[in-house]
Amino acid sequence: FNYDSAYIHPVCAAIFTQKNVKADPVLMKECLQ
């Protein structure tokens, strides 16, 4: 998601890290749809 604000990337990374999960871009794009 390189077109989104650079400030939100660490916030979203913290959401995944808090749940101890690796970010899955395919799943994230499905959620976007």
PDB file of all heavy atoms in Angstrom:
ATOM      1  N   PHE A   1       0.847  -1.194   0.000  1.00  0.00           N
ATOM      2  CA  PHE A   1       0.000   0.000   0.000  1.00  0.00           C
ATOM      3  C   PHE A   1       0.885   1.249   0.000  1.00  0.00           C
ATOM      4  O   PHE A   1       0.801   2.081   0.889  1.00  0.00           O
ATOM      5  CB  PHE A   1      -0.913  -0.001   1.229  1.00  0.00           C
ATOM      6  CG  PHE A   1      -1.892  -1.131   1.239  1.00  0.00           C
ATOM      7  CD1 PHE A   1      -1.588  -2.317   1.897  1.00  0.00           C
ATOM      8  CD2 PHE A   1      -3.108  -1.030   0.587  1.00  0.00           C
ATOM      9  CE1 PHE A   1      -2.484  -3.369   1.905  1.00  0.00           C
ATOM     10  CE2 PHE A   1      -4.004  -2.075   0.589  1.00  0.00           C
ATOM     11  CZ  PHE A   1      -3.694  -3.247   1.239  1.00  0.00           C
ATOM     12  N   ASN A   2       1.711   1.378  -1.022  1.00  0.00           N
ATOM     13  CA  ASN A   2       2.689   2.457  -1.050  1.00  0.00           C
ATOM     14  C   ASN A   2       2.075   3.825  -1.333  1.00  0.00           C
ATOM     15  O   ASN A   2       2.719   4.838  -1.119  1.00  0.00           O
ATOM     16  CB  ASN A   2       3.813   2.157  -2.040  1.00  0.00           C
ATOM     17  CG  ASN A   2       3.298   1.894  -3.429  1.00  0.00           C
ATOM     18  OD1 ASN A   2       2.110   1.787  -3.651  1.00  0.00           O
ATOM     19  ND2 ASN A   2       4.205   1.781  -4.367  1.00  0.00           N
ATOM     20  N   TYR A   3       0.830   3.890  -1.792  1.00  0.00           N
ATOM     21  CA  TYR A   3       0.214   5.179  -2.076  1.00  0.00           C
ATOM     22  C   TYR A   3      -0.480   5.778  -0.858  1.00  0.00           C
ATOM     23  O   TYR A   3      -0.899   6.924  -0.892  1.00  0.00           O
ATOM     24  CB  TYR A   3      -0.788   5.055  -3.228  1.00  0.00           C
ATOM     25  CG  TYR A   3      -0.096   4.727  -4.527  1.00  0.00           C
ATOM     26  CD1 TYR A   3      -0.263   3.495  -5.140  1.00  0.00           C
ATOM     27  CD2 TYR A   3       0.749   5.651  -5.128  1.00  0.00           C
ATOM     28  CE1 TYR A   3       0.387   3.203  -6.324  1.00  0.00           C
ATOM     29  CE2 TYR A   3       1.402   5.367  -6.309  1.00  0.00           C
ATOM     30  CZ  TYR A   3       1.210   4.138  -6.903  1.00  0.00           C
ATOM     31  OH  TYR A   3       1.864   3.846  -8.064  1.00  0.00           O
ATOM     32  N   ASP A   4      -0.624   5.008   0.194  1.00  0.00           N
ATOM     33  CA  ASP A   4      -1.212   5.534   1.425  1.00  0.00           C
ATOM     34  C   ASP A   4      -0.162   6.321   2.197  1.00  0.00           C
ATOM     35  O   ASP A   4       1.036   6.226   1.930  1.00  0.00           O
ATOM     36  CB  ASP A   4      -1.756   4.383   2.287  1.00  0.00           C
ATOM     37  CG  ASP A   4      -3.022   3.788   1.693  1.00  0.00           C
ATOM     38  OD1 ASP A   4      -4.006   4.534   1.598  1.00  0.00           O
ATOM     39  OD2 ASP A   4      -3.007   2.603   1.332  1.00  0.00           O
ATOM     40  N   SER A   5      -0.612   7.054   3.172  1.00  0.00           N
ATOM     41  CA  SER A   5       0.282   7.894   3.967  1.00  0.00           C
ATOM     42  C   SER A   5       1.343   7.046   4.671  1.00  0.00           C
ATOM     43  O   SER A   5       1.047   5.970   5.197  1.00  0.00           O
ATOM     44  CB  SER A   5      -0.534   8.657   5.015  1.00  0.00           C
ATOM     45  OG  SER A   5       0.305   9.329   5.908  1.00  0.00           O
ATOM     46  N   ALA A   6       2.543   7.547   4.701  1.00  0.00           N
ATOM     47  CA  ALA A   6       3.652   6.828   5.345  1.00  0.00           C
ATOM     48  C   ALA A   6       3.474   6.760   6.855  1.00  0.00           C
ATOM     49  O   ALA A   6       4.076   5.910   7.510  1.00  0.00           O
ATOM     50  CB  ALA A   6       4.973   7.504   5.005  1.00  0.00           C
ATOM     51  N   TYR A   7       2.651   7.622   7.413  1.00  0.00           N
ATOM     52  CA  TYR A   7       2.437   7.638   8.860  1.00  0.00           C
ATOM     53  C   TYR A   7       1.551   6.490   9.335  1.00  0.00           C
ATOM     54  O   TYR A   7       1.606   6.108  10.493  1.00  0.00           O
ATOM     55  CB  TYR A   7       1.801   8.960   9.287  1.00  0.00           C
ATOM     56  CG  TYR A   7       2.678  10.145   9.014  1.00  0.00           C
ATOM     57  CD1 TYR A   7       2.308  11.106   8.083  1.00  0.00           C
ATOM     58  CD2 TYR A   7       3.897  10.298   9.673  1.00  0.00           C
ATOM     59  CE1 TYR A   7       3.110  12.191   7.828  1.00  0.00           C
ATOM     60  CE2 TYR A   7       4.714  11.377   9.417  1.00  0.00           C
ATOM     61  CZ  TYR A   7       4.317  12.327   8.499  1.00  0.00           C
ATOM     62  OH  TYR A   7       5.127  13.394   8.248  1.00  0.00           O
ATOM     63  N   ILE A   8       0.738   5.940   8.452  1.00  0.00           N
ATOM     64  CA  ILE A   8      -0.199   4.891   8.865  1.00  0.00           C
ATOM     65  C   ILE A   8       0.438   3.505   8.799  1.00  0.00           C
ATOM     66  O   ILE A   8      -0.012   2.580   9.471  1.00  0.00           O
ATOM     67  CB  ILE A   8      -1.506   4.963   8.024  1.00  0.00           C
ATOM     68  CG1 ILE A   8      -2.632   4.174   8.676  1.00  0.00           C
ATOM     69  CG2 ILE A   8      -1.275   4.485   6.615  1.00  0.00           C
ATOM     70  CD1 ILE A   8      -3.147   4.774   9.940  1.00  0.00           C
ATOM     71  N   HIS A   9       1.506   3.327   8.039  1.00  0.00           N
ATOM     72  CA  HIS A   9       2.145   2.014   7.923  1.00  0.00           C
ATOM     73  C   HIS A   9       2.620   1.467   9.276  1.00  0.00           C
ATOM     74  O   HIS A   9       2.359   0.298   9.583  1.00  0.00           O
ATOM     75  CB  HIS A   9       3.310   2.065   6.930  1.00  0.00           C
ATOM     76  CG  HIS A   9       2.868   2.402   5.543  1.00  0.00           C
ATOM     77  ND1 HIS A   9       3.637   3.165   4.697  1.00  0.00           N
ATOM     78  CD2 HIS A   9       1.746   2.111   4.841  1.00  0.00           C
ATOM     79  CE1 HIS A   9       3.016   3.311   3.547  1.00  0.00           C
ATOM     80  NE2 HIS A   9       1.857   2.686   3.609  1.00  0.00           N
ATOM     81  N   PRO A  10       3.298   2.248  10.119  1.00  0.00           N
ATOM     82  CA  PRO A  10       3.693   1.718  11.434  1.00  0.00           C
ATOM     83  C   PRO A  10       2.497   1.396  12.333  1.00  0.00           C
ATOM     84  O   PRO A  10       2.549   0.453  13.115  1.00  0.00           O
ATOM     85  CB  PRO A  10       4.538   2.834  12.043  1.00  0.00           C
ATOM     86  CG  PRO A  10       4.983   3.652  10.902  1.00  0.00           C
ATOM     87  CD  PRO A  10       3.910   3.559   9.871  1.00  0.00           C
ATOM     88  N   VAL A  11       1.422   2.166  12.202  1.00  0.00           N
ATOM     89  CA  VAL A  11       0.222   1.898  13.007  1.00  0.00           C
ATOM     90  C   VAL A  11      -0.353   0.542  12.631  1.00  0.00           C
ATOM     91  O   VAL A  11      -0.690  -0.278  13.504  1.00  0.00           O
ATOM     92  CB  VAL A  11      -0.826   3.017  12.815  1.00  0.00           C
ATOM     93  CG1 VAL A  11      -2.123   2.671  13.507  1.00  0.00           C
ATOM     94  CG2 VAL A  11      -0.281   4.342  13.300  1.00  0.00           C
ATOM     95  N   CYS A  12      -0.452   0.295  11.347  1.00  0.00           N
ATOM     96  CA  CYS A  12      -0.990  -0.989  10.886  1.00  0.00           C
ATOM     97  C   CYS A  12      -0.036  -2.138  11.232  1.00  0.00           C
ATOM     98  O   CYS A  12      -0.487  -3.230  11.573  1.00  0.00           O
ATOM     99  CB  CYS A  12      -1.244  -0.927   9.389  1.00  0.00           C
ATOM    100  SG  CYS A  12      -2.493   0.275   8.948  1.00  0.00           S
ATOM    101  N   ALA A  13       1.247  -1.886  11.147  1.00  0.00           N
ATOM    102  CA  ALA A  13       2.222  -2.909  11.539  1.00  0.00           C
ATOM    103  C   ALA A  13       2.073  -3.246  13.014  1.00  0.00           C
ATOM    104  O   ALA A  13       2.197  -4.415  13.410  1.00  0.00           O
ATOM    105  CB  ALA A  13       3.629  -2.437  11.233  1.00  0.00           C
ATOM    106  N   ALA A  14       1.776  -2.253  13.826  1.00  0.00           N
ATOM    107  CA  ALA A  14       1.572  -2.495  15.260  1.00  0.00           C
ATOM    108  C   ALA A  14       0.324  -3.333  15.500  1.00  0.00           C
ATOM    109  O   ALA A  14       0.301  -4.165  16.420  1.00  0.00           O
ATOM    110  CB  ALA A  14       1.473  -1.172  16.008  1.00  0.00           C
ATOM    111  N   ILE A  15      -0.703  -3.149  14.683  1.00  0.00           N
ATOM    112  CA  ILE A  15      -1.922  -3.961  14.819  1.00  0.00           C
ATOM    113  C   ILE A  15      -1.597  -5.432  14.584  1.00  0.00           C
ATOM    114  O   ILE A  15      -2.028  -6.305  15.337  1.00  0.00           O
ATOM    115  CB  ILE A  15      -3.014  -3.460  13.846  1.00  0.00           C
ATOM    116  CG1 ILE A  15      -3.497  -2.077  14.279  1.00  0.00           C
ATOM    117  CG2 ILE A  15      -4.170  -4.441  13.764  1.00  0.00           C
ATOM    118  CD1 ILE A  15      -4.401  -1.383  13.283  1.00  0.00           C
ATOM    119  N   PHE A  16      -0.832  -5.707  13.544  1.00  0.00           N
ATOM    120  CA  PHE A  16      -0.452  -7.095  13.255  1.00  0.00           C
ATOM    121  C   PHE A  16       0.501  -7.639  14.311  1.00  0.00           C
ATOM    122  O   PHE A  16       0.383  -8.788  14.729  1.00  0.00           O
ATOM    123  CB  PHE A  16       0.189  -7.195  11.867  1.00  0.00           C
ATOM    124  CG  PHE A  16      -0.791  -7.170  10.747  1.00  0.00           C
ATOM    125  CD1 PHE A  16      -1.018  -6.003  10.036  1.00  0.00           C
ATOM    126  CD2 PHE A  16      -1.485  -8.307  10.391  1.00  0.00           C
ATOM    127  CE1 PHE A  16      -1.927  -5.975   9.004  1.00  0.00           C
ATOM    128  CE2 PHE A  16      -2.391  -8.298   9.353  1.00  0.00           C
ATOM    129  CZ  PHE A  16      -2.619  -7.123   8.654  1.00  0.00           C
ATOM    130  N   THR A  17       1.451  -6.825  14.742  1.00  0.00           N
ATOM    131  CA  THR A  17       2.447  -7.272  15.717  1.00  0.00           C
ATOM    132  C   THR A  17       1.804  -7.564  17.065  1.00  0.00           C
ATOM    133  O   THR A  17       2.194  -8.507  17.745  1.00  0.00           O
ATOM    134  CB  THR A  17       3.552  -6.216  15.863  1.00  0.00           C
ATOM    135  OG1 THR A  17       4.104  -5.954  14.566  1.00  0.00           O
ATOM    136  CG2 THR A  17       4.654  -6.700  16.778  1.00  0.00           C
ATOM    137  N   GLN A  18       0.806  -6.774  17.427  1.00  0.00           N
ATOM    138  CA  GLN A  18       0.106  -6.998  18.691  1.00  0.00           C
ATOM    139  C   GLN A  18      -0.550  -8.371  18.725  1.00  0.00           C
ATOM    140  O   GLN A  18      -0.572  -9.040  19.752  1.00  0.00           O
ATOM    141  CB  GLN A  18      -0.949  -5.924  18.902  1.00  0.00           C
ATOM    142  CG  GLN A  18      -1.744  -6.102  20.168  1.00  0.00           C
ATOM    143  CD  GLN A  18      -2.871  -5.089  20.269  1.00  0.00           C
ATOM    144  OE1 GLN A  18      -3.164  -4.367  19.323  1.00  0.00           O
ATOM    145  NE2 GLN A  18      -3.487  -5.039  21.419  1.00  0.00           N
ATOM    146  N   LYS A  19      -1.058  -8.813  17.565  1.00  0.00           N
ATOM    147  CA  LYS A  19      -1.678 -10.136  17.476  1.00  0.00           C
ATOM    148  C   LYS A  19      -0.665 -11.226  17.159  1.00  0.00           C
ATOM    149  O   LYS A  19      -1.020 -12.384  17.014  1.00  0.00           O
ATOM    150  CB  LYS A  19      -2.758 -10.123  16.390  1.00  0.00           C
ATOM    151  CG  LYS A  19      -3.844  -9.111  16.605  1.00  0.00           C
ATOM    152  CD  LYS A  19      -5.012  -9.712  17.285  1.00  0.00           C
ATOM    153  CE  LYS A  19      -6.088  -8.647  17.400  1.00  0.00           C
ATOM    154  NZ  LYS A  19      -7.401  -9.176  17.439  1.00  0.00           N
ATOM    155  N   ASN A  20       0.610 -10.841  17.003  1.00  0.00           N
ATOM    156  CA  ASN A  20       1.704 -11.768  16.702  1.00  0.00           C
ATOM    157  C   ASN A  20       1.465 -12.496  15.375  1.00  0.00           C
ATOM    158  O   ASN A  20       1.615 -13.716  15.281  1.00  0.00           O
ATOM    159  CB  ASN A  20       1.923 -12.764  17.847  1.00  0.00           C
ATOM    160  CG  ASN A  20       3.307 -13.351  17.817  1.00  0.00           C
ATOM    161  OD1 ASN A  20       4.223 -12.770  17.249  1.00  0.00           O
ATOM    162  ND2 ASN A  20       3.460 -14.508  18.427  1.00  0.00           N
ATOM    163  N   VAL A  21       1.087 -11.710  14.365  1.00  0.00           N
ATOM    164  CA  VAL A  21       0.750 -12.240  13.048  1.00  0.00           C
ATOM    165  C   VAL A  21       1.570 -11.489  12.002  1.00  0.00           C
ATOM    166  O   VAL A  21       1.812 -10.297  12.137  1.00  0.00           O
ATOM    167  CB  VAL A  21      -0.759 -12.034  12.765  1.00  0.00           C
ATOM    168  CG1 VAL A  21      -1.124 -12.506  11.374  1.00  0.00           C
ATOM    169  CG2 VAL A  21      -1.603 -12.725  13.802  1.00  0.00           C
ATOM    170  N   LYS A  22       1.969 -12.202  10.948  1.00  0.00           N
ATOM    171  CA  LYS A  22       2.638 -11.545   9.825  1.00  0.00           C
ATOM    172  C   LYS A  22       1.575 -10.945   8.908  1.00  0.00           C
ATOM    173  O   LYS A  22       0.535 -11.560   8.654  1.00  0.00           O
ATOM    174  CB  LYS A  22       3.481 -12.537   9.041  1.00  0.00           C
ATOM    175  CG  LYS A  22       4.726 -12.953   9.751  1.00  0.00           C
ATOM    176  CD  LYS A  22       5.607 -13.794   8.864  1.00  0.00           C
ATOM    177  CE  LYS A  22       6.871 -14.177   9.607  1.00  0.00           C
ATOM    178  NZ  LYS A  22       7.772 -14.949   8.762  1.00  0.00           N
ATOM    179  N   ALA A  23       1.850  -9.770   8.417  1.00  0.00           N
ATOM    180  CA  ALA A  23       0.925  -9.099   7.502  1.00  0.00           C
ATOM    181  C   ALA A  23       0.867  -9.853   6.183  1.00  0.00           C
ATOM    182  O   ALA A  23       1.896 -10.216   5.617  1.00  0.00           O
ATOM    183  CB  ALA A  23       1.367  -7.663   7.278  1.00  0.00           C
ATOM    184  N   ASP A  24      -0.358 -10.085   5.712  1.00  0.00           N
ATOM    185  CA  ASP A  24      -0.576 -10.776   4.451  1.00  0.00           C
ATOM    186  C   ASP A  24      -1.215  -9.788   3.474  1.00  0.00           C
ATOM    187  O   ASP A  24      -2.394  -9.457   3.610  1.00  0.00           O
ATOM    188  CB  ASP A  24      -1.491 -11.978   4.663  1.00  0.00           C
ATOM    189  CG  ASP A  24      -1.734 -12.775   3.403  1.00  0.00           C
ATOM    190  OD1 ASP A  24      -1.084 -12.504   2.376  1.00  0.00           O
ATOM    191  OD2 ASP A  24      -2.594 -13.679   3.448  1.00  0.00           O
ATOM    192  N   PRO A  25      -0.452  -9.282   2.497  1.00  0.00           N
ATOM    193  CA  PRO A  25      -0.999  -8.273   1.593  1.00  0.00           C
ATOM    194  C   PRO A  25      -2.174  -8.774   0.754  1.00  0.00           C
ATOM    195  O   PRO A  25      -3.068  -8.005   0.433  1.00  0.00           O
ATOM    196  CB  PRO A  25       0.179  -7.877   0.715  1.00  0.00           C
ATOM    197  CG  PRO A  25       1.278  -8.797   1.016  1.00  0.00           C
ATOM    198  CD  PRO A  25       0.942  -9.565   2.239  1.00  0.00           C
ATOM    199  N   VAL A  26      -2.189 -10.048   0.426  1.00  0.00           N
ATOM    200  CA  VAL A  26      -3.301 -10.601  -0.354  1.00  0.00           C
ATOM    201  C   VAL A  26      -4.593 -10.545   0.469  1.00  0.00           C
ATOM    202  O   VAL A  26      -5.639 -10.103  -0.027  1.00  0.00           O
ATOM    203  CB  VAL A  26      -2.989 -12.048  -0.796  1.00  0.00           C
ATOM    204  CG1 VAL A  26      -4.178 -12.671  -1.491  1.00  0.00           C
ATOM    205  CG2 VAL A  26      -1.753 -12.078  -1.680  1.00  0.00           C
ATOM    206  N   LEU A  27      -4.519 -10.963   1.710  1.00  0.00           N
ATOM    207  CA  LEU A  27      -5.685 -10.908   2.593  1.00  0.00           C
ATOM    208  C   LEU A  27      -6.121  -9.470   2.831  1.00  0.00           C
ATOM    209  O   LEU A  27      -7.311  -9.165   2.865  1.00  0.00           O
ATOM    210  CB  LEU A  27      -5.383 -11.603   3.917  1.00  0.00           C
ATOM    211  CG  LEU A  27      -6.501 -11.632   4.951  1.00  0.00           C
ATOM    212  CD1 LEU A  27      -7.733 -12.343   4.400  1.00  0.00           C
ATOM    213  CD2 LEU A  27      -6.017 -12.292   6.223  1.00  0.00           C
ATOM    214  N   MET A  28      -5.170  -8.576   2.964  1.00  0.00           N
ATOM    215  CA  MET A  28      -5.500  -7.168   3.180  1.00  0.00           C
ATOM    216  C   MET A  28      -6.217  -6.576   1.965  1.00  0.00           C
ATOM    217  O   MET A  28      -7.176  -5.819   2.106  1.00  0.00           O
ATOM    218  CB  MET A  28      -4.240  -6.367   3.489  1.00  0.00           C
ATOM    219  CG  MET A  28      -3.649  -6.682   4.840  1.00  0.00           C
ATOM    220  SD  MET A  28      -2.125  -5.793   5.159  1.00  0.00           S
ATOM    221  CE  MET A  28      -2.772  -4.149   5.434  1.00  0.00           C
ATOM    222  N   LYS A  29      -5.793  -6.956   0.778  1.00  0.00           N
ATOM    223  CA  LYS A  29      -6.464  -6.455  -0.432  1.00  0.00           C
ATOM    224  C   LYS A  29      -7.855  -7.063  -0.580  1.00  0.00           C
ATOM    225  O   LYS A  29      -8.770  -6.405  -1.084  1.00  0.00           O
ATOM    226  CB  LYS A  29      -5.592  -6.719  -1.650  1.00  0.00           C
ATOM    227  CG  LYS A  29      -4.353  -5.836  -1.620  1.00  0.00           C
ATOM    228  CD  LYS A  29      -3.550  -5.868  -2.872  1.00  0.00           C
ATOM    229  CE  LYS A  29      -2.359  -4.939  -2.652  1.00  0.00           C
ATOM    230  NZ  LYS A  29      -1.666  -4.594  -3.837  1.00  0.00           N
ATOM    231  N   GLU A  30      -8.034  -8.300  -0.114  1.00  0.00           N
ATOM    232  CA  GLU A  30      -9.374  -8.889  -0.106  1.00  0.00           C
ATOM    233  C   GLU A  30     -10.283  -8.122   0.854  1.00  0.00           C
ATOM    234  O   GLU A  30     -11.457  -7.874   0.545  1.00  0.00           O
ATOM    235  CB  GLU A  30      -9.315 -10.357   0.296  1.00  0.00           C
ATOM    236  CG  GLU A  30      -8.712 -11.264  -0.757  1.00  0.00           C
ATOM    237  CD  GLU A  30      -8.524 -12.687  -0.262  1.00  0.00           C
ATOM    238  OE1 GLU A  30      -8.986 -13.016   0.846  1.00  0.00           O
ATOM    239  OE2 GLU A  30      -7.905 -13.474  -0.991  1.00  0.00           O
ATOM    240  N   CYS A  31      -9.755  -7.748   1.996  1.00  0.00           N
ATOM    241  CA  CYS A  31     -10.521  -6.957   2.961  1.00  0.00           C
ATOM    242  C   CYS A  31     -10.850  -5.583   2.390  1.00  0.00           C
ATOM    243  O   CYS A  31     -11.949  -5.059   2.620  1.00  0.00           O
ATOM    244  CB  CYS A  31      -9.757  -6.820   4.274  1.00  0.00           C
ATOM    245  SG  CYS A  31      -9.600  -8.362   5.187  1.00  0.00           S
ATOM    246  N   LEU A  32      -9.943  -5.011   1.619  1.00  0.00           N
ATOM    247  CA  LEU A  32     -10.200  -3.731   0.973  1.00  0.00           C
ATOM    248  C   LEU A  32     -11.366  -3.857  -0.008  1.00  0.00           C
ATOM    249  O   LEU A  32     -12.241  -2.989  -0.058  1.00  0.00           O
ATOM    250  CB  LEU A  32      -8.942  -3.245   0.251  1.00  0.00           C
ATOM    251  CG  LEU A  32      -9.078  -1.996  -0.601  1.00  0.00           C
ATOM    252  CD1 LEU A  32      -9.475  -0.800   0.250  1.00  0.00           C
ATOM    253  CD2 LEU A  32      -7.778  -1.719  -1.346  1.00  0.00           C
ATOM    254  N   GLN A  33     -11.386  -4.951  -0.752  1.00  0.00           N
ATOM    255  CA  GLN A  33     -12.491  -5.167  -1.692  1.00  0.00           C
ATOM    256  C   GLN A  33     -13.825  -5.329  -0.959  1.00  0.00           C
ATOM    257  O   GLN A  33     -14.857  -4.839  -1.414  1.00  0.00           O
ATOM    258  CB  GLN A  33     -12.223  -6.396  -2.566  1.00  0.00           C
ATOM    259  CG  GLN A  33     -11.175  -6.171  -3.619  1.00  0.00           C
ATOM    260  CD  GLN A  33     -11.521  -5.016  -4.536  1.00  0.00           C
ATOM    261  OE1 GLN A  33     -12.663  -4.817  -4.928  1.00  0.00           O
ATOM    262  NE2 GLN A  33     -10.511  -4.223  -4.868  1.00  0.00           N
TER     263      GLN A  33
END
